[in-house]
Protein backbone atom coordinates (compact mmCIF):
# COMPACT_ATOMS: atom_id res chain seq x y z
CA MET A 1 10.22 -3.86 0.43
CA ILE A 2 11.97 -0.32 0.18
CA PRO A 3 12.46 0.65 -3.56
CA VAL A 4 15.82 2.75 -3.93
CA ASN A 5 17.37 4.87 -6.42
CA TYR A 6 21.21 4.99 -5.92
CA ARG A 7 23.72 5.71 -8.32
CA GLY A 8 21.11 5.55 -11.02
CA GLU A 9 20.40 1.69 -10.10
CA GLU A 10 17.17 0.54 -8.69
CA ARG A 11 17.75 -1.69 -5.74
CA SER A 12 15.19 -2.98 -3.35
CA PHE A 13 15.75 -3.80 0.21
CA GLU A 14 13.43 -6.08 2.31
CA ALA A 15 12.53 -4.54 5.87
CA GLU A 16 10.96 -5.97 8.86
CA LEU A 17 8.53 -3.37 10.48
CA GLN A 18 8.56 -3.69 14.60
CA VAL A 19 7.32 -1.76 17.24
CA TRP A 20 9.40 -0.30 19.51
CA GLN A 21 8.99 1.54 22.82
CA TYR A 22 6.39 4.29 22.03
CA GLY A 23 6.99 4.12 17.92
CA TYR A 24 8.60 1.97 15.33
CA ARG A 25 11.55 1.20 13.80
CA PHE A 26 12.77 -0.70 10.38
CA ILE A 27 15.27 -3.22 10.44
CA VAL A 28 16.91 -3.36 7.12
CA PRO A 29 19.70 -5.80 5.90
CA VAL A 30 22.02 -3.80 3.66
CA ASP A 31 24.89 -5.16 1.98
CA GLY A 32 25.40 -7.92 4.64
CA MET A 33 24.69 -5.85 7.80
CA GLU A 34 21.65 -5.46 9.35
CA LEU A 35 21.05 -1.63 10.14
CA VAL A 36 18.07 -0.36 12.23
CA PHE A 37 16.41 3.14 11.03
CA GLU A 38 14.39 4.85 13.87
CA ARG A 39 13.03 8.35 13.83
CA ASP A 40 15.65 10.74 15.87
CA ASP A 41 14.28 13.96 17.90
CA SER A 42 13.97 16.06 15.00
CA GLY A 43 11.57 13.27 13.11
CA ASP A 44 14.25 12.11 10.63
CA TYR A 45 15.41 8.81 10.15
CA ARG A 46 18.56 7.71 11.29
CA ALA A 47 20.48 4.31 11.04
CA ILE A 48 22.22 2.17 13.59
CA ALA A 49 24.22 -1.09 13.14
CA SER A 50 22.69 -3.45 15.18
CA GLU A 51 24.57 -5.27 17.64
CA VAL A 52 24.37 -8.73 15.85
CA SER A 53 26.19 -7.50 12.57
CA GLY A 54 29.57 -7.78 11.61
CA GLY A 55 31.62 -6.54 8.80
CA GLU A 56 31.97 -3.18 7.05
CA LEU A 57 29.28 -0.49 7.05
CA PRO A 58 27.34 -0.03 3.91
CA ASP A 59 28.31 3.22 1.95
CA ARG A 60 26.80 6.24 3.27
CA GLU A 61 25.01 7.64 0.75
CA LEU A 62 23.09 4.29 -0.03
CA VAL A 63 21.92 4.63 3.82
CA GLN A 64 20.98 7.90 3.11
CA ALA A 65 18.78 6.91 0.18
CA ILE A 66 16.81 4.46 2.20
CA ALA A 67 16.28 6.93 5.03
CA GLU A 68 15.04 9.20 2.58
CA VAL A 69 12.56 6.86 1.18
CA LEU A 70 11.27 5.81 4.61
CA GLN A 71 10.92 9.46 5.36
CA THR A 72 8.19 9.42 2.58
CA LEU A 73 6.34 6.55 4.23
């Protein structure tokens, strides 16, 4: 579970850790869309909408808040 404080509200997101190529990534369902969080070349997390997801993208600030929590792990 990933606890995130977003706009003064405490939210939790269930994440799946996957071994991926030479590292790992997190699969996180956010507001009905499955996002893949993986490290970019600078070592920060980026979010990518998975190919199986449909619908509207979640709020950018929420995605950034999740990435910030993952960065502390």
